[in-house]
Amino acid sequence: MGVNISDIVPKEHRSLADFKEKWIAIDAYNTLYQFLSIIRQPDGTPLKDSKGRTTSHLAGLLYRTTNLLEAGINPVFVFDGKPHELKSDTIAGRRVIKEKARNEWEKALKEGDLEKARSKAQQTSQLTTEMVESSWELLGYLGVPCVQSPKDGEAQASYMAACGDVWAAASQDFDSLLFGAPTLIRNLTITGKRKLPRRREYVNVEPEEVKLEDALNSLTLTREQLVDLAILVGTDFNPGIKGIGPKKALKLLKQHKDLENVMEKKALSIENYQEIRNIFLKPEVTDDYEISLGEIQEQVIEALLVDEHDFSVQRVKSALDKVKSERKQKEQRKLDQWF
């Protein structure tokens, strides 16, 4: 989930065309969970092949990644490593929420309430090792580079952006700012119309660009203070202080300058706060990665998706044709520059 500071951080609406020719490091787990949540049948059941294996993540990767490539965007997917020990409570809490949602989903199905069933089913998504492996495999066949982070994928993506190896980090969470990404892109892989839960209304979801420097200037905080603010509100590594939201935390940081002073003045106690600071300010990352687009292996992709997982051959070919067309145009533009 990450830290929720949406209400206090300035954002700019963008289109995919704004990111043409730019390299963007995408938080892979965050994106795959989006696909598993959104890409479902009317009753909430995920897409599956004839052997009962979930394919929602593969459908999302194929169609959304080819959309990005067609738009001239250069994606690199960054995968999580082993979660930090302080994240165990968050992970356990998510399991409880998913189990409750699963029970409510089954109850809604029995009652014939498909709209409620689909809403509850979206909260039950689970990413398995097999899904991660097949996602990495498909991306490789699409010629899209993947990076294995030692810990948090968002930290690694932010590090790559801070180093200038990519232009931005992409995630739904705002943690990328805490990890030091100069630019965060939200809604990159879920652009389009989305139905509001339990309502017959749709909203148009557009990419958002968040600049770390603009956010800090707007809030008149340093990055270190922004991390302290997040710890007060709650992160994946601590529950935060009850009754303190982003606006109140901002006010406290402006009054008292840092977390130690806030805790002293307000008689608060936050366990492991210094370690949590270091998770964001000194994350465990790696320089062991290469970033370049490879060739699309069309026959291998068809074997994986059509033969193995029952995808429509026409839809797969159509998705790949869009990318091949964009690459031909790109090569032609390069040739034109010589004449």
C-alpha atoms as a PDB file:
ATOM      1  CA  MET A   1       0.000   0.000   0.000  1.00  0.00           C
ATOM      2  CA  GLY A   2       2.784   2.455   0.829  1.00  0.00           C
ATOM      3  CA  VAL A   3       2.421   5.771   2.559  1.00  0.00           C
ATOM      4  CA  ASN A   4      -0.695   7.814   1.758  1.00  0.00           C
ATOM      5  CA  ILE A   5       0.346  11.429   1.134  1.00  0.00           C
ATOM      6  CA  SER A   6      -1.784  12.008  -1.951  1.00  0.00           C
ATOM      7  CA  ASP A   7      -3.664  14.950  -0.403  1.00  0.00           C
ATOM      8  CA  ILE A   8      -0.560  17.047   0.265  1.00  0.00           C
ATOM      9  CA  VAL A   9       1.657  16.299  -2.751  1.00  0.00           C
ATOM     10  CA  PRO A  10       1.297  18.361  -5.973  1.00  0.00           C
ATOM     11  CA  LYS A  11       0.661  16.300  -9.126  1.00  0.00           C
ATOM     12  CA  GLU A  12       0.520  17.100 -12.840  1.00  0.00           C
ATOM     13  CA  HIS A  13      -1.700  15.281 -15.333  1.00  0.00           C
ATOM     14  CA  ARG A  14       0.179  13.767 -18.248  1.00  0.00           C
ATOM     15  CA  SER A  15      -0.437  11.577 -21.297  1.00  0.00           C
ATOM     16  CA  LEU A  16       1.580   8.619 -22.539  1.00  0.00           C
ATOM     17  CA  ALA A  17       2.828  10.824 -25.377  1.00  0.00           C
ATOM     18  CA  ASP A  18       4.667  12.968 -22.805  1.00  0.00           C
ATOM     19  CA  PHE A  19       6.917  10.006 -21.997  1.00  0.00           C
ATOM     20  CA  LYS A  20       7.969   9.136 -25.562  1.00  0.00           C
ATOM     21  CA  GLU A  21      11.590   7.975 -25.806  1.00  0.00           C
ATOM     22  CA  LYS A  22      11.954   8.034 -22.012  1.00  0.00           C
ATOM     23  CA  TRP A  23      13.158   5.131 -19.869  1.00  0.00           C
ATOM     24  CA  ILE A  24      10.870   4.430 -16.918  1.00  0.00           C
ATOM     25  CA  ALA A  25      11.570   1.920 -14.132  1.00  0.00           C
ATOM     26  CA  ILE A  26       8.295   0.229 -13.204  1.00  0.00           C
ATOM     27  CA  ASP A  27       7.581  -1.332  -9.803  1.00  0.00           C
ATOM     28  CA  ALA A  28       6.770  -4.828 -11.102  1.00  0.00           C
ATOM     29  CA  TYR A  29       4.985  -6.255  -8.052  1.00  0.00           C
ATOM     30  CA  ASN A  30       2.838  -3.135  -7.708  1.00  0.00           C
ATOM     31  CA  THR A  31       1.872  -3.423 -11.369  1.00  0.00           C
ATOM     32  CA  LEU A  32       1.179  -7.163 -11.302  1.00  0.00           C
ATOM     33  CA  TYR A  33      -1.117  -6.747  -8.301  1.00  0.00           C
ATOM     34  CA  GLN A  34      -3.016  -4.091 -10.255  1.00  0.00           C
ATOM     35  CA  PHE A  35      -3.519  -6.524 -13.132  1.00  0.00           C
ATOM     36  CA  LEU A  36      -4.611  -9.330 -10.800  1.00  0.00           C
ATOM     37  CA  SER A  37      -7.090  -6.979  -9.140  1.00  0.00           C
ATOM     38  CA  ILE A  38      -8.557  -5.275 -12.199  1.00  0.00           C
ATOM     39  CA  ILE A  39      -8.503  -7.923 -14.928  1.00  0.00           C
ATOM     40  CA  ARG A  40     -11.318 -10.224 -13.827  1.00  0.00           C
ATOM     41  CA  GLN A  41     -14.539 -11.742 -15.052  1.00  0.00           C
ATOM     42  CA  PRO A  42     -17.905 -10.171 -14.095  1.00  0.00           C
ATOM     43  CA  ASP A  43     -18.248 -12.365 -10.994  1.00  0.00           C
ATOM     44  CA  GLY A  44     -14.741 -11.459  -9.802  1.00  0.00           C
ATOM     45  CA  THR A  45     -13.029 -14.671 -10.919  1.00  0.00           C
ATOM     46  CA  PRO A  46      -9.585 -13.971 -12.391  1.00  0.00           C
ATOM     47  CA  LEU A  47      -8.882 -14.923 -15.988  1.00  0.00           C
ATOM     48  CA  LYS A  48      -7.771 -18.556 -16.190  1.00  0.00           C
ATOM     49  CA  ASP A  49      -6.613 -20.994 -18.841  1.00  0.00           C
ATOM     50  CA  SER A  50      -8.091 -24.444 -19.493  1.00  0.00           C
ATOM     51  CA  LYS A  51      -5.872 -25.928 -16.765  1.00  0.00           C
ATOM     52  CA  GLY A  52      -7.232 -23.515 -14.148  1.00  0.00           C
ATOM     53  CA  ARG A  53      -4.100 -21.372 -13.979  1.00  0.00           C
ATOM     54  CA  THR A  54      -4.555 -17.631 -13.450  1.00  0.00           C
ATOM     55  CA  THR A  55      -3.605 -15.564 -16.499  1.00  0.00           C
ATOM     56  CA  SER A  56      -4.786 -12.069 -15.515  1.00  0.00           C
ATOM     57  CA  HIS A  57      -1.200 -10.950 -14.886  1.00  0.00           C
ATOM     58  CA  LEU A  58      -0.042 -12.194 -18.297  1.00  0.00           C
ATOM     59  CA  ALA A  59      -2.946 -10.478 -20.051  1.00  0.00           C
ATOM     60  CA  GLY A  60      -2.122  -7.226 -18.305  1.00  0.00           C
ATOM     61  CA  LEU A  61       1.575  -7.474 -19.083  1.00  0.00           C
ATOM     62  CA  LEU A  62       1.002  -8.261 -22.746  1.00  0.00           C
ATOM     63  CA  TYR A  63      -1.542  -5.593 -23.571  1.00  0.00           C
ATOM     64  CA  ARG A  64      -0.343  -2.787 -21.275  1.00  0.00           C
ATOM     65  CA  THR A  65       3.349  -3.293 -21.999  1.00  0.00           C
ATOM     66  CA  THR A  66       2.757  -3.338 -25.754  1.00  0.00           C
ATOM     67  CA  ASN A  67       0.718  -0.139 -25.331  1.00  0.00           C
ATOM     68  CA  LEU A  68       3.712   1.490 -23.648  1.00  0.00           C
ATOM     69  CA  LEU A  69       6.089   0.244 -26.337  1.00  0.00           C
ATOM     70  CA  GLU A  70       3.700   1.421 -29.060  1.00  0.00           C
ATOM     71  CA  ALA A  71       3.755   4.875 -27.439  1.00  0.00           C
ATOM     72  CA  GLY A  72       7.544   4.891 -27.746  1.00  0.00           C
ATOM     73  CA  ILE A  73       8.107   4.458 -24.009  1.00  0.00           C
ATOM     74  CA  ASN A  74      11.052   2.340 -22.832  1.00  0.00           C
ATOM     75  CA  PRO A  75       9.987   0.355 -19.754  1.00  0.00           C
ATOM     76  CA  VAL A  76      12.177  -1.623 -17.384  1.00  0.00           C
ATOM     77  CA  PHE A  77      10.435  -3.761 -14.767  1.00  0.00           C
ATOM     78  CA  VAL A  78      11.969  -3.947 -11.289  1.00  0.00           C
ATOM     79  CA  PHE A  79      11.046  -6.951  -9.127  1.00  0.00           C
ATOM     80  CA  ASP A  80      11.032  -7.132  -5.332  1.00  0.00           C
ATOM     81  CA  GLY A  81      13.582  -9.179  -3.455  1.00  0.00           C
ATOM     82  CA  LYS A  82      13.229 -10.480   0.079  1.00  0.00           C
ATOM     83  CA  PRO A  83      10.949  -8.180   2.137  1.00  0.00           C
ATOM     84  CA  HIS A  84      12.429  -6.328   5.075  1.00  0.00           C
ATOM     85  CA  GLU A  85      11.748  -7.908   8.477  1.00  0.00           C
ATOM     86  CA  LEU A  86       9.816  -4.814   9.590  1.00  0.00           C
ATOM     87  CA  LYS A  87       7.320  -5.430   6.792  1.00  0.00           C
ATOM     88  CA  SER A  88       6.125  -8.704   8.325  1.00  0.00           C
ATOM     89  CA  ASP A  89       3.233  -7.120  10.246  1.00  0.00           C
ATOM     90  CA  THR A  90       1.994  -5.379   7.106  1.00  0.00           C
ATOM     91  CA  ILE A  91       2.172  -8.625   5.126  1.00  0.00           C
ATOM     92  CA  ALA A  92       0.326 -10.516   7.879  1.00  0.00           C
ATOM     93  CA  GLY A  93      -2.331  -7.796   8.003  1.00  0.00           C
ATOM     94  CA  ARG A  94      -2.846  -8.031   4.258  1.00  0.00           C
ATOM     95  CA  ARG A  95      -3.406 -11.778   4.562  1.00  0.00           C
ATOM     96  CA  VAL A  96      -6.189 -11.189   7.093  1.00  0.00           C
ATOM     97  CA  ILE A  97      -7.827  -8.601   4.830  1.00  0.00           C
ATOM     98  CA  LYS A  98      -7.642 -10.934   1.836  1.00  0.00           C
ATOM     99  CA  GLU A  99      -9.137 -13.839   3.752  1.00  0.00           C
ATOM    100  CA  LYS A 100     -12.021 -11.681   4.949  1.00  0.00           C
ATOM    101  CA  ALA A 101     -12.587 -10.385   1.404  1.00  0.00           C
ATOM    102  CA  ARG A 102     -12.547 -13.946   0.064  1.00  0.00           C
ATOM    103  CA  ASN A 103     -15.288 -14.986   2.503  1.00  0.00           C
ATOM    104  CA  GLU A 104     -17.351 -11.930   1.548  1.00  0.00           C
ATOM    105  CA  TRP A 105     -16.796 -12.663  -2.147  1.00  0.00           C
ATOM    106  CA  GLU A 106     -18.090 -16.225  -1.769  1.00  0.00           C
ATOM    107  CA  LYS A 107     -21.079 -14.978   0.223  1.00  0.00           C
ATOM    108  CA  ALA A 108     -21.919 -12.385  -2.444  1.00  0.00           C
ATOM    109  CA  LEU A 109     -21.700 -15.052  -5.158  1.00  0.00           C
ATOM    110  CA  LYS A 110     -24.180 -17.250  -3.280  1.00  0.00           C
ATOM    111  CA  GLU A 111     -26.513 -14.267  -2.951  1.00  0.00           C
ATOM    112  CA  GLY A 112     -26.208 -13.466  -6.664  1.00  0.00           C
ATOM    113  CA  ASP A 113     -24.767  -9.996  -6.051  1.00  0.00           C
ATOM    114  CA  LEU A 114     -22.168 -10.008  -8.844  1.00  0.00           C
ATOM    115  CA  GLU A 115     -21.255  -6.354  -8.457  1.00  0.00           C
ATOM    116  CA  LYS A 116     -20.385  -6.799  -4.786  1.00  0.00           C
ATOM    117  CA  ALA A 117     -18.698 -10.101  -5.568  1.00  0.00           C
ATOM    118  CA  ARG A 118     -16.385  -8.498  -8.106  1.00  0.00           C
ATOM    119  CA  SER A 119     -15.571  -5.649  -5.716  1.00  0.00           C
ATOM    120  CA  LYS A 120     -14.635  -8.066  -2.929  1.00  0.00           C
ATOM    121  CA  ALA A 121     -12.744 -10.370  -5.288  1.00  0.00           C
ATOM    122  CA  GLN A 122     -10.421  -7.522  -6.245  1.00  0.00           C
ATOM    123  CA  GLN A 123      -9.174  -7.470  -2.655  1.00  0.00           C
ATOM    124  CA  THR A 124      -8.162 -11.149  -2.704  1.00  0.00           C
ATOM    125  CA  SER A 125      -5.325 -10.970  -5.241  1.00  0.00           C
ATOM    126  CA  GLN A 126      -2.279 -13.089  -4.474  1.00  0.00           C
ATOM    127  CA  LEU A 127       0.968 -13.038  -6.432  1.00  0.00           C
ATOM    128  CA  THR A 128       2.610 -16.462  -6.545  1.00  0.00           C
ATOM    129  CA  THR A 129       6.163 -17.477  -7.409  1.00  0.00           C
ATOM    130  CA  GLU A 130       4.869 -19.070 -10.615  1.00  0.00           C
ATOM    131  CA  MET A 131       3.197 -15.807 -11.633  1.00  0.00           C
ATOM    132  CA  VAL A 132       6.402 -13.858 -11.038  1.00  0.00           C
ATOM    133  CA  GLU A 133       8.429 -16.355 -13.070  1.00  0.00           C
ATOM    134  CA  SER A 134       5.988 -16.340 -15.995  1.00  0.00           C
ATOM    135  CA  SER A 135       5.861 -12.524 -15.911  1.00  0.00           C
ATOM    136  CA  TRP A 136       9.661 -12.281 -16.070  1.00  0.00           C
ATOM    137  CA  GLU A 137       9.630 -14.821 -18.908  1.00  0.00           C
ATOM    138  CA  LEU A 138       7.047 -12.923 -20.975  1.00  0.00           C
ATOM    139  CA  LEU A 139       8.795  -9.582 -20.499  1.00  0.00           C
ATOM    140  CA  GLY A 140      12.044 -11.148 -21.689  1.00  0.00           C
ATOM    141  CA  TYR A 141      10.334 -12.422 -24.850  1.00  0.00           C
ATOM    142  CA  LEU A 142       8.944  -8.910 -25.397  1.00  0.00           C
ATOM    143  CA  GLY A 143      12.502  -7.563 -25.263  1.00  0.00           C
ATOM    144  CA  VAL A 144      11.792  -5.616 -22.079  1.00  0.00           C
ATOM    145  CA  PRO A 145      14.593  -5.581 -19.467  1.00  0.00           C
ATOM    146  CA  CYS A 146      13.955  -6.785 -15.915  1.00  0.00           C
ATOM    147  CA  VAL A 147      15.933  -5.976 -12.773  1.00  0.00           C
ATOM    148  CA  GLN A 148      16.035  -8.019  -9.572  1.00  0.00           C
ATOM    149  CA  SER A 149      16.143  -5.833  -6.474  1.00  0.00           C
ATOM    150  CA  PRO A 150      17.810  -7.194  -3.333  1.00  0.00           C
ATOM    151  CA  LYS A 151      14.932  -5.812  -1.252  1.00  0.00           C
ATOM    152  CA  ASP A 152      12.204  -3.331  -2.196  1.00  0.00           C
ATOM    153  CA  GLY A 153      11.574  -2.965  -5.926  1.00  0.00           C
ATOM    154  CA  GLU A 154      10.407   0.605  -5.448  1.00  0.00           C
ATOM    155  CA  ALA A 155      13.693   1.461  -3.740  1.00  0.00           C
ATOM    156  CA  GLN A 156      15.660  -0.021  -6.640  1.00  0.00           C
ATOM    157  CA  ALA A 157      13.570   1.801  -9.258  1.00  0.00           C
ATOM    158  CA  SER A 158      14.028   5.066  -7.353  1.00  0.00           C
ATOM    159  CA  TYR A 159      17.783   4.491  -7.136  1.00  0.00           C
ATOM    160  CA  MET A 160      17.977   3.944 -10.895  1.00  0.00           C
ATOM    161  CA  ALA A 161      16.073   7.200 -11.432  1.00  0.00           C
ATOM    162  CA  ALA A 162      18.278   9.091  -8.969  1.00  0.00           C
ATOM    163  CA  CYS A 163      21.374   7.790 -10.796  1.00  0.00           C
ATOM    164  CA  GLY A 164      19.977   9.034 -14.110  1.00  0.00           C
ATOM    165  CA  ASP A 165      19.875   5.548 -15.635  1.00  0.00           C
ATOM    166  CA  VAL A 166      16.124   5.997 -16.116  1.00  0.00           C
ATOM    167  CA  TRP A 167      14.074   9.157 -16.309  1.00  0.00           C
ATOM    168  CA  ALA A 168      11.469   8.222 -13.700  1.00  0.00           C
ATOM    169  CA  ALA A 169      10.141   5.541 -11.365  1.00  0.00           C
ATOM    170  CA  ALA A 170       6.573   4.318 -11.888  1.00  0.00           C
ATOM    171  CA  SER A 171       4.326   3.063  -9.085  1.00  0.00           C
ATOM    172  CA  GLN A 172       0.923   3.732  -7.570  1.00  0.00           C
ATOM    173  CA  ASP A 173       2.567   4.325  -4.191  1.00  0.00           C
ATOM    174  CA  PHE A 174       4.268   7.538  -3.111  1.00  0.00           C
ATOM    175  CA  ASP A 175       7.113   5.647  -1.440  1.00  0.00           C
ATOM    176  CA  SER A 176       9.259   6.354  -4.506  1.00  0.00           C
ATOM    177  CA  LEU A 177       9.548   9.945  -3.289  1.00  0.00           C
ATOM    178  CA  LEU A 178      10.721   8.761   0.121  1.00  0.00           C
ATOM    179  CA  PHE A 179      13.290   6.541  -1.609  1.00  0.00           C
ATOM    180  CA  GLY A 180      14.575   9.582  -3.499  1.00  0.00           C
ATOM    181  CA  ALA A 181      13.157   9.219  -7.017  1.00  0.00           C
ATOM    182  CA  PRO A 182      13.411  12.676  -8.676  1.00  0.00           C
ATOM    183  CA  THR A 183      10.273  11.880 -10.705  1.00  0.00           C
ATOM    184  CA  LEU A 184       7.383   9.547  -9.888  1.00  0.00           C
ATOM    185  CA  ILE A 185       4.810   8.489 -12.491  1.00  0.00           C
ATOM    186  CA  ARG A 186       1.494   7.137 -11.257  1.00  0.00           C
ATOM    187  CA  ASN A 187      -1.249   5.404 -13.292  1.00  0.00           C
ATOM    188  CA  LEU A 188       1.234   4.488 -16.039  1.00  0.00           C
ATOM    189  CA  THR A 189      -0.046   0.931 -16.462  1.00  0.00           C
ATOM    190  CA  ILE A 190      -3.736   1.477 -15.635  1.00  0.00           C
ATOM    191  CA  THR A 191      -4.496   4.397 -17.960  1.00  0.00           C
ATOM    192  CA  GLY A 192      -8.059   4.351 -19.337  1.00  0.00           C
ATOM    193  CA  LYS A 193     -11.632   4.243 -18.082  1.00  0.00           C
ATOM    194  CA  ARG A 194     -12.281   2.615 -14.709  1.00  0.00           C
ATOM    195  CA  LYS A 195     -15.614   1.776 -13.109  1.00  0.00           C
ATOM    196  CA  LEU A 196     -16.122   3.166  -9.621  1.00  0.00           C
ATOM    197  CA  PRO A 197     -16.813   0.428  -7.045  1.00  0.00           C
ATOM    198  CA  ARG A 198     -20.538  -0.216  -6.383  1.00  0.00           C
ATOM    199  CA  ARG A 199     -21.506   2.656  -8.706  1.00  0.00           C
ATOM    200  CA  ARG A 200     -22.596   2.822 -12.320  1.00  0.00           C
ATOM    201  CA  GLU A 201     -20.035   5.502 -13.062  1.00  0.00           C
ATOM    202  CA  TYR A 202     -16.709   5.501 -14.850  1.00  0.00           C
ATOM    203  CA  VAL A 203     -13.722   7.773 -14.412  1.00  0.00           C
ATOM    204  CA  ASN A 204     -10.914   8.457 -16.837  1.00  0.00           C
ATOM    205  CA  VAL A 205      -7.599   7.453 -15.260  1.00  0.00           C
ATOM    206  CA  GLU A 206      -4.645   9.449 -16.596  1.00  0.00           C
ATOM    207  CA  PRO A 207      -0.936   9.313 -15.794  1.00  0.00           C
ATOM    208  CA  GLU A 208       0.255  11.677 -13.070  1.00  0.00           C
ATOM    209  CA  GLU A 209       3.745  13.119 -12.732  1.00  0.00           C
ATOM    210  CA  VAL A 210       5.097  14.000  -9.297  1.00  0.00           C
ATOM    211  CA  LYS A 211       8.420  15.803  -8.971  1.00  0.00           C
ATOM    212  CA  LEU A 212      10.250  15.286  -5.682  1.00  0.00           C
ATOM    213  CA  GLU A 213      11.733  18.771  -5.767  1.00  0.00           C
ATOM    214  CA  ASP A 214       8.344  20.369  -6.407  1.00  0.00           C
ATOM    215  CA  ALA A 215       6.784  18.323  -3.599  1.00  0.00           C
ATOM    216  CA  LEU A 216       9.479  19.337  -1.104  1.00  0.00           C
ATOM    217  CA  ASN A 217       9.274  22.984  -2.137  1.00  0.00           C
ATOM    218  CA  SER A 218       5.490  22.957  -1.878  1.00  0.00           C
ATOM    219  CA  LEU A 219       5.606  21.414   1.594  1.00  0.00           C
ATOM    220  CA  THR A 220       8.727  23.397   2.634  1.00  0.00           C
ATOM    221  CA  LEU A 221      10.273  20.166   3.880  1.00  0.00           C
ATOM    222  CA  THR A 222      13.525  18.335   3.273  1.00  0.00           C
ATOM    223  CA  ARG A 223      13.439  14.752   2.050  1.00  0.00           C
ATOM    224  CA  GLU A 224      14.476  13.652   5.538  1.00  0.00           C
ATOM    225  CA  GLN A 225      11.499  15.520   6.994  1.00  0.00           C
ATOM    226  CA  LEU A 226       9.207  13.941   4.389  1.00  0.00           C
ATOM    227  CA  VAL A 227      10.356  10.531   5.574  1.00  0.00           C
ATOM    228  CA  ASP A 228       9.674  11.569   9.181  1.00  0.00           C
ATOM    229  CA  LEU A 229       6.208  12.702   8.106  1.00  0.00           C
ATOM    230  CA  ALA A 230       5.580   9.311   6.518  1.00  0.00           C
ATOM    231  CA  ILE A 231       6.657   7.497   9.688  1.00  0.00           C
ATOM    232  CA  LEU A 232       4.160   9.544  11.691  1.00  0.00           C
ATOM    233  CA  VAL A 233       1.362   8.734   9.215  1.00  0.00           C
ATOM    234  CA  GLY A 234       2.339   5.086   8.805  1.00  0.00           C
ATOM    235  CA  THR A 235       4.368   3.118   6.267  1.00  0.00           C
ATOM    236  CA  ASP A 236       4.690  -0.508   5.230  1.00  0.00           C
ATOM    237  CA  PHE A 237       7.222  -0.790   8.067  1.00  0.00           C
ATOM    238  CA  ASN A 238       5.234   0.799  10.915  1.00  0.00           C
ATOM    239  CA  PRO A 239       1.555   1.471  11.718  1.00  0.00           C
ATOM    240  CA  GLY A 240       1.916   5.205  12.355  1.00  0.00           C
ATOM    241  CA  ILE A 241       0.292   7.205  15.121  1.00  0.00           C
ATOM    242  CA  LYS A 242      -3.491   6.948  15.499  1.00  0.00           C
ATOM    243  CA  GLY A 243      -5.149  10.284  14.800  1.00  0.00           C
ATOM    244  CA  ILE A 244      -2.243  11.703  12.789  1.00  0.00           C
ATOM    245  CA  GLY A 245      -2.843  12.043   9.063  1.00  0.00           C
ATOM    246  CA  PRO A 246      -0.681  13.735   6.429  1.00  0.00           C
ATOM    247  CA  LYS A 247      -1.889  17.280   7.139  1.00  0.00           C
ATOM    248  CA  LYS A 248      -1.445  17.016  10.896  1.00  0.00           C
ATOM    249  CA  ALA A 249       1.950  15.349  10.473  1.00  0.00           C
ATOM    250  CA  LEU A 250       3.004  18.179   8.163  1.00  0.00           C
ATOM    251  CA  LYS A 251       1.992  20.754  10.752  1.00  0.00           C
ATOM    252  CA  LEU A 252       3.926  18.911  13.473  1.00  0.00           C
ATOM    253  CA  LEU A 253       7.081  18.668  11.358  1.00  0.00           C
ATOM    254  CA  LYS A 254       6.959  22.358  10.522  1.00  0.00           C
ATOM    255  CA  GLN A 255       6.562  23.195  14.207  1.00  0.00           C
ATOM    256  CA  HIS A 256       9.140  20.798  15.648  1.00  0.00           C
ATOM    257  CA  LYS A 257      11.542  20.186  12.711  1.00  0.00           C
ATOM    258  CA  ASP A 258      12.141  16.453  13.137  1.00  0.00           C
ATOM    259  CA  LEU A 259      10.634  13.241  14.445  1.00  0.00           C
ATOM    260  CA  GLU A 260      12.597  13.222  17.701  1.00  0.00           C
ATOM    261  CA  ASN A 261      11.255  16.623  18.668  1.00  0.00           C
ATOM    262  CA  VAL A 262       7.716  15.685  17.680  1.00  0.00           C
ATOM    263  CA  MET A 263       7.861  12.556  19.833  1.00  0.00           C
ATOM    264  CA  GLU A 264       9.306  14.508  22.764  1.00  0.00           C
ATOM    265  CA  LYS A 265       6.801  17.366  22.579  1.00  0.00           C
ATOM    266  CA  LYS A 266       3.791  15.109  22.054  1.00  0.00           C
ATOM    267  CA  ALA A 267       4.913  12.246  24.326  1.00  0.00           C
ATOM    268  CA  LEU A 268       4.897   9.754  21.471  1.00  0.00           C
ATOM    269  CA  SER A 269       6.870   6.581  21.003  1.00  0.00           C
ATOM    270  CA  ILE A 270       7.608   5.005  17.618  1.00  0.00           C
ATOM    271  CA  GLU A 271       9.473   1.714  17.681  1.00  0.00           C
ATOM    272  CA  ASN A 272      12.381   1.256  15.246  1.00  0.00           C
ATOM    273  CA  TYR A 273      11.948   4.754  13.813  1.00  0.00           C
ATOM    274  CA  GLN A 274      15.659   5.176  13.044  1.00  0.00           C
ATOM    275  CA  GLU A 275      15.774   1.856  11.225  1.00  0.00           C
ATOM    276  CA  ILE A 276      12.709   2.848   9.222  1.00  0.00           C
ATOM    277  CA  ARG A 277      14.402   6.113   8.292  1.00  0.00           C
ATOM    278  CA  ASN A 278      17.377   4.165   6.995  1.00  0.00           C
ATOM    279  CA  ILE A 279      15.141   1.893   4.918  1.00  0.00           C
ATOM    280  CA  PHE A 280      14.096   4.959   2.931  1.00  0.00           C
ATOM    281  CA  LEU A 281      17.254   7.079   3.106  1.00  0.00           C
ATOM    282  CA  LYS A 282      19.830   4.276   2.791  1.00  0.00           C
ATOM    283  CA  PRO A 283      17.987   1.452   1.013  1.00  0.00           C
ATOM    284  CA  GLU A 284      19.619  -1.789  -0.034  1.00  0.00           C
ATOM    285  CA  VAL A 285      19.981  -1.621  -3.827  1.00  0.00           C
ATOM    286  CA  THR A 286      22.174  -3.024  -6.573  1.00  0.00           C
ATOM    287  CA  ASP A 287      24.134  -1.734  -9.574  1.00  0.00           C
ATOM    288  CA  ASP A 288      23.901  -5.151 -11.229  1.00  0.00           C
ATOM    289  CA  TYR A 289      21.556  -4.341 -14.099  1.00  0.00           C
ATOM    290  CA  GLU A 290      21.608  -3.611 -17.818  1.00  0.00           C
ATOM    291  CA  ILE A 291      19.046  -1.477 -19.595  1.00  0.00           C
ATOM    292  CA  SER A 292      18.357  -2.006 -23.281  1.00  0.00           C
ATOM    293  CA  LEU A 293      15.425  -3.130 -25.390  1.00  0.00           C
ATOM    294  CA  GLY A 294      15.740  -6.511 -27.094  1.00  0.00           C
ATOM    295  CA  GLU A 295      14.020  -8.066 -30.063  1.00  0.00           C
ATOM    296  CA  ILE A 296      10.449  -9.340 -29.810  1.00  0.00           C
ATOM    297  CA  GLN A 297      10.375 -13.141 -29.996  1.00  0.00           C
ATOM    298  CA  GLU A 298       6.986 -13.495 -31.612  1.00  0.00           C
ATOM    299  CA  GLN A 299       6.915 -17.260 -32.071  1.00  0.00           C
ATOM    300  CA  VAL A 300       8.024 -17.911 -28.499  1.00  0.00           C
ATOM    301  CA  ILE A 301       5.405 -15.486 -27.166  1.00  0.00           C
ATOM    302  CA  GLU A 302       2.696 -17.244 -29.146  1.00  0.00           C
ATOM    303  CA  ALA A 303       3.873 -20.604 -27.825  1.00  0.00           C
ATOM    304  CA  LEU A 304       3.708 -19.317 -24.247  1.00  0.00           C
ATOM    305  CA  LEU A 305       0.414 -17.441 -24.438  1.00  0.00           C
ATOM    306  CA  VAL A 306      -1.574 -19.172 -27.185  1.00  0.00           C
ATOM    307  CA  ASP A 307      -0.407 -22.784 -26.942  1.00  0.00           C
ATOM    308  CA  GLU A 308       0.287 -22.911 -23.199  1.00  0.00           C
ATOM    309  CA  HIS A 309      -2.312 -20.492 -21.781  1.00  0.00           C
ATOM    310  CA  ASP A 310      -5.138 -20.404 -24.378  1.00  0.00           C
ATOM    311  CA  PHE A 311      -4.823 -16.746 -25.416  1.00  0.00           C
ATOM    312  CA  SER A 312      -6.454 -15.667 -28.672  1.00  0.00           C
ATOM    313  CA  VAL A 313      -3.845 -15.850 -31.423  1.00  0.00           C
ATOM    314  CA  GLN A 314      -5.458 -12.886 -33.198  1.00  0.00           C
ATOM    315  CA  ARG A 315      -5.271 -10.674 -30.104  1.00  0.00           C
ATOM    316  CA  VAL A 316      -1.674 -11.636 -29.395  1.00  0.00           C
ATOM    317  CA  LYS A 317      -0.632 -10.951 -32.988  1.00  0.00           C
ATOM    318  CA  SER A 318      -2.495  -7.627 -32.944  1.00  0.00           C
ATOM    319  CA  ALA A 319      -0.711  -6.518 -29.770  1.00  0.00           C
ATOM    320  CA  LEU A 320       2.699  -7.466 -31.151  1.00  0.00           C
ATOM    321  CA  ASP A 321       2.006  -5.892 -34.551  1.00  0.00           C
ATOM    322  CA  LYS A 322       1.505  -2.506 -32.874  1.00  0.00           C
ATOM    323  CA  VAL A 323       4.971  -2.676 -31.348  1.00  0.00           C
ATOM    324  CA  LYS A 324       6.608  -3.877 -34.554  1.00  0.00           C
ATOM    325  CA  SER A 325       4.962  -1.001 -36.433  1.00  0.00           C
ATOM    326  CA  GLU A 326       6.266   1.547 -33.912  1.00  0.00           C
ATOM    327  CA  ARG A 327       9.789   0.119 -34.140  1.00  0.00           C
ATOM    328  CA  LYS A 328       9.750   0.263 -37.943  1.00  0.00           C
ATOM    329  CA  GLN A 329       8.667   3.899 -37.768  1.00  0.00           C
ATOM    330  CA  LYS A 330      11.414   4.579 -35.233  1.00  0.00           C
ATOM    331  CA  GLU A 331      14.039   3.049 -37.503  1.00  0.00           C
ATOM    332  CA  GLN A 332      12.702   5.063 -40.433  1.00  0.00           C
ATOM    333  CA  ARG A 333      12.945   8.271 -38.404  1.00  0.00           C
ATOM    334  CA  LYS A 334      16.576   7.456 -37.633  1.00  0.00           C
ATOM    335  CA  LEU A 335      17.288   6.891 -41.340  1.00  0.00           C
ATOM    336  CA  ASP A 336      15.558  10.113 -42.286  1.00  0.00           C
ATOM    337  CA  GLN A 337      17.918  12.035 -40.024  1.00  0.00           C
ATOM    338  CA  TRP A 338      20.816  11.089 -42.315  1.00  0.00           C
ATOM    339  CA  PHE A 339      19.245  12.612 -45.422  1.00  0.00           C
END
